[in-house]
Amino acid sequence: MDYTKEKRVEGIPPIQGETLETSFKGKCNAFRKALFPPPPSTVPPSFNNYQEKEWEWPALSITELERACSNKVKSSSPGPD
């Protein structure tokens, strides 16, 4: 007759953190420190000596420009023609 037996509430066993934690708050802190350590810190970069380079564009001929502008889109677009 299982339905007549008392229900047992099993708690979380003591957790070993910095010390042996038995309280709920202490266990939460131990889990949080173990599972979510603080992220590593880095030194922000210094852009004091940064020199931006000039853009180097290749020469474009008239025929390349005409060909690029006159090519039709190979896919269909929605809407009326």
PDB file of N, CA and C in Angstrom:
ATOM      1  N   MET A   1       0.826  -1.164   0.000  1.00  0.00           N
ATOM      2  CA  MET A   1       0.000   0.000   0.000  1.00  0.00           C
ATOM      3  C   MET A   1       0.885   1.247   0.000  1.00  0.00           C
ATOM      4  N   ASP A   2       1.370   1.563  -1.173  1.00  0.00           N
ATOM      5  CA  ASP A   2       2.267   2.695  -1.310  1.00  0.00           C
ATOM      6  C   ASP A   2       1.586   4.020  -1.002  1.00  0.00           C
ATOM      7  N   TYR A   3       0.301   4.117  -1.251  1.00  0.00           N
ATOM      8  CA  TYR A   3      -0.373   5.404  -1.072  1.00  0.00           C
ATOM      9  C   TYR A   3      -0.556   5.767   0.394  1.00  0.00           C
ATOM     10  N   THR A   4      -0.351   4.833   1.295  1.00  0.00           N
ATOM     11  CA  THR A   4      -0.493   5.145   2.715  1.00  0.00           C
ATOM     12  C   THR A   4       0.832   5.542   3.361  1.00  0.00           C
ATOM     13  N   LYS A   5       1.946   5.359   2.633  1.00  0.00           N
ATOM     14  CA  LYS A   5       3.242   5.706   3.201  1.00  0.00           C
ATOM     15  C   LYS A   5       3.428   7.218   3.191  1.00  0.00           C
ATOM     16  N   GLU A   6       4.202   7.700   4.163  1.00  0.00           N
ATOM     17  CA  GLU A   6       4.480   9.126   4.211  1.00  0.00           C
ATOM     18  C   GLU A   6       5.384   9.517   3.055  1.00  0.00           C
ATOM     19  N   LYS A   7       5.153  10.700   2.543  1.00  0.00           N
ATOM     20  CA  LYS A   7       6.001  11.225   1.468  1.00  0.00           C
ATOM     21  C   LYS A   7       7.293  11.721   2.092  1.00  0.00           C
ATOM     22  N   ARG A   8       8.406  11.426   1.430  1.00  0.00           N
ATOM     23  CA  ARG A   8       9.699  11.888   1.905  1.00  0.00           C
ATOM     24  C   ARG A   8      10.172  13.013   1.005  1.00  0.00           C
ATOM     25  N   VAL A   9      10.597  14.058   1.603  1.00  0.00           N
ATOM     26  CA  VAL A   9      11.151  15.168   0.850  1.00  0.00           C
ATOM     27  C   VAL A   9      12.664  15.084   1.000  1.00  0.00           C
ATOM     28  N   GLU A  10      13.309  14.734  -0.098  1.00  0.00           N
ATOM     29  CA  GLU A  10      14.761  14.620  -0.078  1.00  0.00           C
ATOM     30  C   GLU A  10      15.359  15.986  -0.393  1.00  0.00           C
ATOM     31  N   GLY A  11      16.212  16.470   0.447  1.00  0.00           N
ATOM     32  CA  GLY A  11      16.877  17.745   0.226  1.00  0.00           C
ATOM     33  C   GLY A  11      18.186  17.538  -0.516  1.00  0.00           C
ATOM     34  N   ILE A  12      18.783  18.626  -0.884  1.00  0.00           N
ATOM     35  CA  ILE A  12      20.091  18.569  -1.530  1.00  0.00           C
ATOM     36  C   ILE A  12      21.120  18.316  -0.433  1.00  0.00           C
ATOM     37  N   PRO A  13      22.002  17.338  -0.603  1.00  0.00           N
ATOM     38  CA  PRO A  13      22.999  17.073   0.432  1.00  0.00           C
ATOM     39  C   PRO A  13      23.956  18.254   0.581  1.00  0.00           C
ATOM     40  N   PRO A  14      24.704  18.307   1.664  1.00  0.00           N
ATOM     41  CA  PRO A  14      25.668  19.403   1.834  1.00  0.00           C
ATOM     42  C   PRO A  14      26.627  19.483   0.641  1.00  0.00           C
ATOM     43  N   ILE A  15      26.951  20.705   0.254  1.00  0.00           N
ATOM     44  CA  ILE A  15      27.796  20.961  -0.914  1.00  0.00           C
ATOM     45  C   ILE A  15      29.133  21.513  -0.431  1.00  0.00           C
ATOM     46  N   GLN A  16      30.215  20.977  -0.998  1.00  0.00           N
ATOM     47  CA  GLN A  16      31.543  21.467  -0.635  1.00  0.00           C
ATOM     48  C   GLN A  16      31.881  22.648  -1.523  1.00  0.00           C
ATOM     49  N   GLY A  17      31.885  23.838  -0.961  1.00  0.00           N
ATOM     50  CA  GLY A  17      32.318  25.043  -1.652  1.00  0.00           C
ATOM     51  C   GLY A  17      33.627  25.473  -1.024  1.00  0.00           C
ATOM     52  N   GLU A  18      33.709  26.743  -0.641  1.00  0.00           N
ATOM     53  CA  GLU A  18      34.871  27.182   0.140  1.00  0.00           C
ATOM     54  C   GLU A  18      34.859  26.473   1.497  1.00  0.00           C
ATOM     55  N   THR A  19      33.650  26.248   1.999  1.00  0.00           N
ATOM     56  CA  THR A  19      33.442  25.443   3.210  1.00  0.00           C
ATOM     57  C   THR A  19      32.320  24.467   2.897  1.00  0.00           C
ATOM     58  N   LEU A  20      31.958  23.630   3.842  1.00  0.00           N
ATOM     59  CA  LEU A  20      30.843  22.711   3.646  1.00  0.00           C
ATOM     60  C   LEU A  20      29.550  23.493   3.839  1.00  0.00           C
ATOM     61  N   GLU A  21      28.786  23.633   2.775  1.00  0.00           N
ATOM     62  CA  GLU A  21      27.563  24.444   2.803  1.00  0.00           C
ATOM     63  C   GLU A  21      26.366  23.555   3.106  1.00  0.00           C
ATOM     64  N   THR A  22      25.578  23.946   4.097  1.00  0.00           N
ATOM     65  CA  THR A  22      24.382  23.183   4.445  1.00  0.00           C
ATOM     66  C   THR A  22      23.112  24.001   4.263  1.00  0.00           C
ATOM     67  N   SER A  23      23.222  25.326   4.263  1.00  0.00           N
ATOM     68  CA  SER A  23      22.028  26.155   4.091  1.00  0.00           C
ATOM     69  C   SER A  23      21.701  26.286   2.606  1.00  0.00           C
ATOM     70  N   PHE A  24      20.452  26.592   2.318  1.00  0.00           N
ATOM     71  CA  PHE A  24      20.031  26.738   0.923  1.00  0.00           C
ATOM     72  C   PHE A  24      20.787  27.873   0.247  1.00  0.00           C
ATOM     73  N   LYS A  25      20.926  29.003   0.930  1.00  0.00           N
ATOM     74  CA  LYS A  25      21.628  30.152   0.354  1.00  0.00           C
ATOM     75  C   LYS A  25      23.099  29.821   0.111  1.00  0.00           C
ATOM     76  N   GLY A  26      23.726  29.130   1.046  1.00  0.00           N
ATOM     77  CA  GLY A  26      25.123  28.739   0.885  1.00  0.00           C
ATOM     78  C   GLY A  26      25.311  27.786  -0.286  1.00  0.00           C
ATOM     79  N   LYS A  27      24.388  26.836  -0.455  1.00  0.00           N
ATOM     80  CA  LYS A  27      24.450  25.897  -1.581  1.00  0.00           C
ATOM     81  C   LYS A  27      24.276  26.638  -2.900  1.00  0.00           C
ATOM     82  N   CYS A  28      23.355  27.604  -2.926  1.00  0.00           N
ATOM     83  CA  CYS A  28      23.140  28.392  -4.151  1.00  0.00           C
ATOM     84  C   CYS A  28      24.405  29.152  -4.528  1.00  0.00           C
ATOM     85  N   ASN A  29      25.037  29.776  -3.541  1.00  0.00           N
ATOM     86  CA  ASN A  29      26.272  30.520  -3.817  1.00  0.00           C
ATOM     87  C   ASN A  29      27.383  29.598  -4.294  1.00  0.00           C
ATOM     88  N   ALA A  30      27.490  28.408  -3.699  1.00  0.00           N
ATOM     89  CA  ALA A  30      28.525  27.458  -4.117  1.00  0.00           C
ATOM     90  C   ALA A  30      28.283  27.009  -5.559  1.00  0.00           C
ATOM     91  N   PHE A  31      27.033  26.693  -5.897  1.00  0.00           N
ATOM     92  CA  PHE A  31      26.712  26.302  -7.280  1.00  0.00           C
ATOM     93  C   PHE A  31      26.997  27.449  -8.247  1.00  0.00           C
ATOM     94  N   ARG A  32      26.598  28.657  -7.879  1.00  0.00           N
ATOM     95  CA  ARG A  32      26.800  29.799  -8.769  1.00  0.00           C
ATOM     96  C   ARG A  32      28.288  30.057  -9.017  1.00  0.00           C
ATOM     97  N   LYS A  33      29.095  29.975  -7.974  1.00  0.00           N
ATOM     98  CA  LYS A  33      30.535  30.190  -8.141  1.00  0.00           C
ATOM     99  C   LYS A  33      31.172  29.092  -8.981  1.00  0.00           C
ATOM    100  N   ALA A  34      30.694  27.847  -8.831  1.00  0.00           N
ATOM    101  CA  ALA A  34      31.282  26.733  -9.578  1.00  0.00           C
ATOM    102  C   ALA A  34      30.830  26.728 -11.034  1.00  0.00           C
ATOM    103  N   LEU A  35      29.566  27.039 -11.281  1.00  0.00           N
ATOM    104  CA  LEU A  35      29.021  26.942 -12.639  1.00  0.00           C
ATOM    105  C   LEU A  35      29.200  28.217 -13.450  1.00  0.00           C
ATOM    106  N   PHE A  36      29.265  29.366 -12.799  1.00  0.00           N
ATOM    107  CA  PHE A  36      29.367  30.645 -13.507  1.00  0.00           C
ATOM    108  C   PHE A  36      30.518  31.476 -12.944  1.00  0.00           C
ATOM    109  N   PRO A  37      31.758  31.094 -13.234  1.00  0.00           N
ATOM    110  CA  PRO A  37      32.883  31.888 -12.728  1.00  0.00           C
ATOM    111  C   PRO A  37      32.910  33.248 -13.407  1.00  0.00           C
ATOM    112  N   PRO A  38      33.560  34.234 -12.804  1.00  0.00           N
ATOM    113  CA  PRO A  38      33.622  35.555 -13.439  1.00  0.00           C
ATOM    114  C   PRO A  38      34.413  35.484 -14.743  1.00  0.00           C
ATOM    115  N   PRO A  39      34.033  36.263 -15.744  1.00  0.00           N
ATOM    116  CA  PRO A  39      34.742  36.220 -17.030  1.00  0.00           C
ATOM    117  C   PRO A  39      36.157  36.771 -16.887  1.00  0.00           C
ATOM    118  N   PRO A  40      37.061  36.323 -17.753  1.00  0.00           N
ATOM    119  CA  PRO A  40      38.430  36.842 -17.671  1.00  0.00           C
ATOM    120  C   PRO A  40      38.465  38.319 -18.044  1.00  0.00           C
ATOM    121  N   SER A  41      39.390  39.036 -17.450  1.00  0.00           N
ATOM    122  CA  SER A  41      39.510  40.461 -17.761  1.00  0.00           C
ATOM    123  C   SER A  41      40.652  40.663 -18.750  1.00  0.00           C
ATOM    124  N   THR A  42      40.498  41.623 -19.633  1.00  0.00           N
ATOM    125  CA  THR A  42      41.527  41.946 -20.619  1.00  0.00           C
ATOM    126  C   THR A  42      41.791  43.446 -20.601  1.00  0.00           C
ATOM    127  N   VAL A  43      42.923  43.800 -21.128  1.00  0.00           N
ATOM    128  CA  VAL A  43      43.287  45.214 -21.225  1.00  0.00           C
ATOM    129  C   VAL A  43      42.681  45.766 -22.513  1.00  0.00           C
ATOM    130  N   PRO A  44      41.993  46.898 -22.475  1.00  0.00           N
ATOM    131  CA  PRO A  44      41.416  47.438 -23.709  1.00  0.00           C
ATOM    132  C   PRO A  44      42.516  47.833 -24.698  1.00  0.00           C
ATOM    133  N   PRO A  45      42.266  47.653 -26.000  1.00  0.00           N
ATOM    134  CA  PRO A  45      43.294  47.989 -26.990  1.00  0.00           C
ATOM    135  C   PRO A  45      43.531  49.496 -27.054  1.00  0.00           C
ATOM    136  N   SER A  46      44.738  49.849 -27.441  1.00  0.00           N
ATOM    137  CA  SER A  46      45.103  51.254 -27.586  1.00  0.00           C
ATOM    138  C   SER A  46      45.213  51.583 -29.074  1.00  0.00           C
ATOM    139  N   PHE A  47      44.509  52.603 -29.512  1.00  0.00           N
ATOM    140  CA  PHE A  47      44.523  53.009 -30.916  1.00  0.00           C
ATOM    141  C   PHE A  47      45.293  54.319 -31.108  1.00  0.00           C
ATOM    142  N   ASN A  48      46.227  54.608 -30.228  1.00  0.00           N
ATOM    143  CA  ASN A  48      46.972  55.866 -30.316  1.00  0.00           C
ATOM    144  C   ASN A  48      47.828  55.949 -31.574  1.00  0.00           C
ATOM    145  N   ASN A  49      48.474  54.860 -31.962  1.00  0.00           N
ATOM    146  CA  ASN A  49      49.384  54.876 -33.110  1.00  0.00           C
ATOM    147  C   ASN A  49      48.751  54.290 -34.372  1.00  0.00           C
ATOM    148  N   TYR A  50      47.439  54.173 -34.395  1.00  0.00           N
ATOM    149  CA  TYR A  50      46.758  53.583 -35.548  1.00  0.00           C
ATOM    150  C   TYR A  50      46.801  54.545 -36.729  1.00  0.00           C
ATOM    151  N   GLN A  51      47.203  54.020 -37.891  1.00  0.00           N
ATOM    152  CA  GLN A  51      47.228  54.823 -39.115  1.00  0.00           C
ATOM    153  C   GLN A  51      46.346  54.137 -40.150  1.00  0.00           C
ATOM    154  N   GLU A  52      45.331  54.837 -40.563  1.00  0.00           N
ATOM    155  CA  GLU A  52      44.406  54.280 -41.543  1.00  0.00           C
ATOM    156  C   GLU A  52      45.061  54.301 -42.921  1.00  0.00           C
ATOM    157  N   LYS A  53      44.940  53.176 -43.644  1.00  0.00           N
ATOM    158  CA  LYS A  53      45.537  53.090 -44.976  1.00  0.00           C
ATOM    159  C   LYS A  53      44.572  53.649 -46.018  1.00  0.00           C
ATOM    160  N   GLU A  54      45.127  54.110 -47.104  1.00  0.00           N
ATOM    161  CA  GLU A  54      44.321  54.611 -48.212  1.00  0.00           C
ATOM    162  C   GLU A  54      43.734  53.433 -48.983  1.00  0.00           C
ATOM    163  N   TRP A  55      42.520  53.618 -49.498  1.00  0.00           N
ATOM    164  CA  TRP A  55      41.894  52.585 -50.314  1.00  0.00           C
ATOM    165  C   TRP A  55      42.599  52.523 -51.665  1.00  0.00           C
ATOM    166  N   GLU A  56      42.811  51.305 -52.122  1.00  0.00           N
ATOM    167  CA  GLU A  56      43.414  51.114 -53.443  1.00  0.00           C
ATOM    168  C   GLU A  56      42.368  50.461 -54.341  1.00  0.00           C
ATOM    169  N   TRP A  57      41.810  51.243 -55.258  1.00  0.00           N
ATOM    170  CA  TRP A  57      40.783  50.750 -56.161  1.00  0.00           C
ATOM    171  C   TRP A  57      41.423  50.380 -57.490  1.00  0.00           C
ATOM    172  N   PRO A  58      41.091  49.211 -58.043  1.00  0.00           N
ATOM    173  CA  PRO A  58      41.623  48.864 -59.361  1.00  0.00           C
ATOM    174  C   PRO A  58      40.968  49.734 -60.431  1.00  0.00           C
ATOM    175  N   ALA A  59      41.678  49.893 -61.526  1.00  0.00           N
ATOM    176  CA  ALA A  59      41.137  50.701 -62.629  1.00  0.00           C
ATOM    177  C   ALA A  59      39.927  49.988 -63.232  1.00  0.00           C
ATOM    178  N   LEU A  60      38.911  50.766 -63.595  1.00  0.00           N
ATOM    179  CA  LEU A  60      37.678  50.223 -64.154  1.00  0.00           C
ATOM    180  C   LEU A  60      37.512  50.777 -65.558  1.00  0.00           C
ATOM    181  N   SER A  61      37.404  49.856 -66.516  1.00  0.00           N
ATOM    182  CA  SER A  61      37.255  50.316 -67.901  1.00  0.00           C
ATOM    183  C   SER A  61      35.784  50.612 -68.196  1.00  0.00           C
ATOM    184  N   ILE A  62      35.543  51.344 -69.267  1.00  0.00           N
ATOM    185  CA  ILE A  62      34.178  51.703 -69.669  1.00  0.00           C
ATOM    186  C   ILE A  62      33.380  50.445 -69.997  1.00  0.00           C
ATOM    187  N   THR A  63      33.993  49.471 -70.669  1.00  0.00           N
ATOM    188  CA  THR A  63      33.257  48.245 -71.028  1.00  0.00           C
ATOM    189  C   THR A  63      32.872  47.454 -69.779  1.00  0.00           C
ATOM    190  N   GLU A  64      33.726  47.402 -68.763  1.00  0.00           N
ATOM    191  CA  GLU A  64      33.375  46.706 -67.518  1.00  0.00           C
ATOM    192  C   GLU A  64      32.203  47.399 -66.834  1.00  0.00           C
ATOM    193  N   LEU A  65      32.194  48.709 -66.861  1.00  0.00           N
ATOM    194  CA  LEU A  65      31.108  49.472 -66.259  1.00  0.00           C
ATOM    195  C   LEU A  65      29.802  49.244 -67.003  1.00  0.00           C
ATOM    196  N   GLU A  66      29.848  49.274 -68.336  1.00  0.00           N
ATOM    197  CA  GLU A  66      28.640  49.040 -69.128  1.00  0.00           C
ATOM    198  C   GLU A  66      28.110  47.631 -68.912  1.00  0.00           C
ATOM    199  N   ARG A  67      29.003  46.651 -68.863  1.00  0.00           N
ATOM    200  CA  ARG A  67      28.592  45.261 -68.673  1.00  0.00           C
ATOM    201  C   ARG A  67      27.954  45.076 -67.295  1.00  0.00           C
ATOM    202  N   ALA A  68      28.512  45.690 -66.267  1.00  0.00           N
ATOM    203  CA  ALA A  68      27.969  45.556 -64.913  1.00  0.00           C
ATOM    204  C   ALA A  68      26.605  46.224 -64.788  1.00  0.00           C
ATOM    205  N   CYS A  69      26.419  47.352 -65.454  1.00  0.00           N
ATOM    206  CA  CYS A  69      25.155  48.081 -65.355  1.00  0.00           C
ATOM    207  C   CYS A  69      24.067  47.481 -66.229  1.00  0.00           C
ATOM    208  N   SER A  70      24.426  46.769 -67.288  1.00  0.00           N
ATOM    209  CA  SER A  70      23.410  46.260 -68.203  1.00  0.00           C
ATOM    210  C   SER A  70      23.029  44.814 -67.919  1.00  0.00           C
ATOM    211  N   ASN A  71      23.728  44.126 -67.027  1.00  0.00           N
ATOM    212  CA  ASN A  71      23.366  42.737 -66.707  1.00  0.00           C
ATOM    213  C   ASN A  71      22.001  42.710 -66.036  1.00  0.00           C
ATOM    214  N   LYS A  72      21.167  41.792 -66.479  1.00  0.00           N
ATOM    215  CA  LYS A  72      19.837  41.655 -65.903  1.00  0.00           C
ATOM    216  C   LYS A  72      19.898  40.695 -64.721  1.00  0.00           C
ATOM    217  N   VAL A  73      18.981  40.865 -63.800  1.00  0.00           N
ATOM    218  CA  VAL A  73      18.894  39.971 -62.656  1.00  0.00           C
ATOM    219  C   VAL A  73      18.352  38.644 -63.152  1.00  0.00           C
ATOM    220  N   LYS A  74      19.035  37.557 -62.791  1.00  0.00           N
ATOM    221  CA  LYS A  74      18.647  36.251 -63.298  1.00  0.00           C
ATOM    222  C   LYS A  74      17.482  35.648 -62.513  1.00  0.00           C
ATOM    223  N   SER A  75      17.191  36.153 -61.362  1.00  0.00           N
ATOM    224  CA  SER A  75      16.065  35.628 -60.594  1.00  0.00           C
ATOM    225  C   SER A  75      14.857  36.536 -60.790  1.00  0.00           C
ATOM    226  N   SER A  76      13.706  35.996 -60.521  1.00  0.00           N
ATOM    227  CA  SER A  76      12.492  36.805 -60.679  1.00  0.00           C
ATOM    228  C   SER A  76      12.199  37.521 -59.367  1.00  0.00           C
ATOM    229  N   SER A  77      11.642  38.689 -59.478  1.00  0.00           N
ATOM    230  CA  SER A  77      11.270  39.444 -58.290  1.00  0.00           C
ATOM    231  C   SER A  77       9.750  39.494 -58.203  1.00  0.00           C
ATOM    232  N   PRO A  78       9.199  39.616 -56.995  1.00  0.00           N
ATOM    233  CA  PRO A  78       7.746  39.647 -56.855  1.00  0.00           C
ATOM    234  C   PRO A  78       7.161  40.937 -57.415  1.00  0.00           C
ATOM    235  N   GLY A  79       5.917  40.863 -57.788  1.00  0.00           N
ATOM    236  CA  GLY A  79       5.223  42.045 -58.277  1.00  0.00           C
ATOM    237  C   GLY A  79       4.890  41.936 -59.751  1.00  0.00           C
ATOM    238  N   PRO A  80       4.054  42.847 -60.242  1.00  0.00           N
ATOM    239  CA  PRO A  80       3.670  42.803 -61.657  1.00  0.00           C
ATOM    240  C   PRO A  80       4.834  43.198 -62.560  1.00  0.00           C
ATOM    241  N   ASP A  81       4.810  42.696 -63.776  1.00  0.00           N
ATOM    242  CA  ASP A  81       5.848  43.025 -64.758  1.00  0.00           C
ATOM    243  C   ASP A  81       5.568  44.345 -65.425  1.00  0.00           C
TER     244      ASP A  81
END
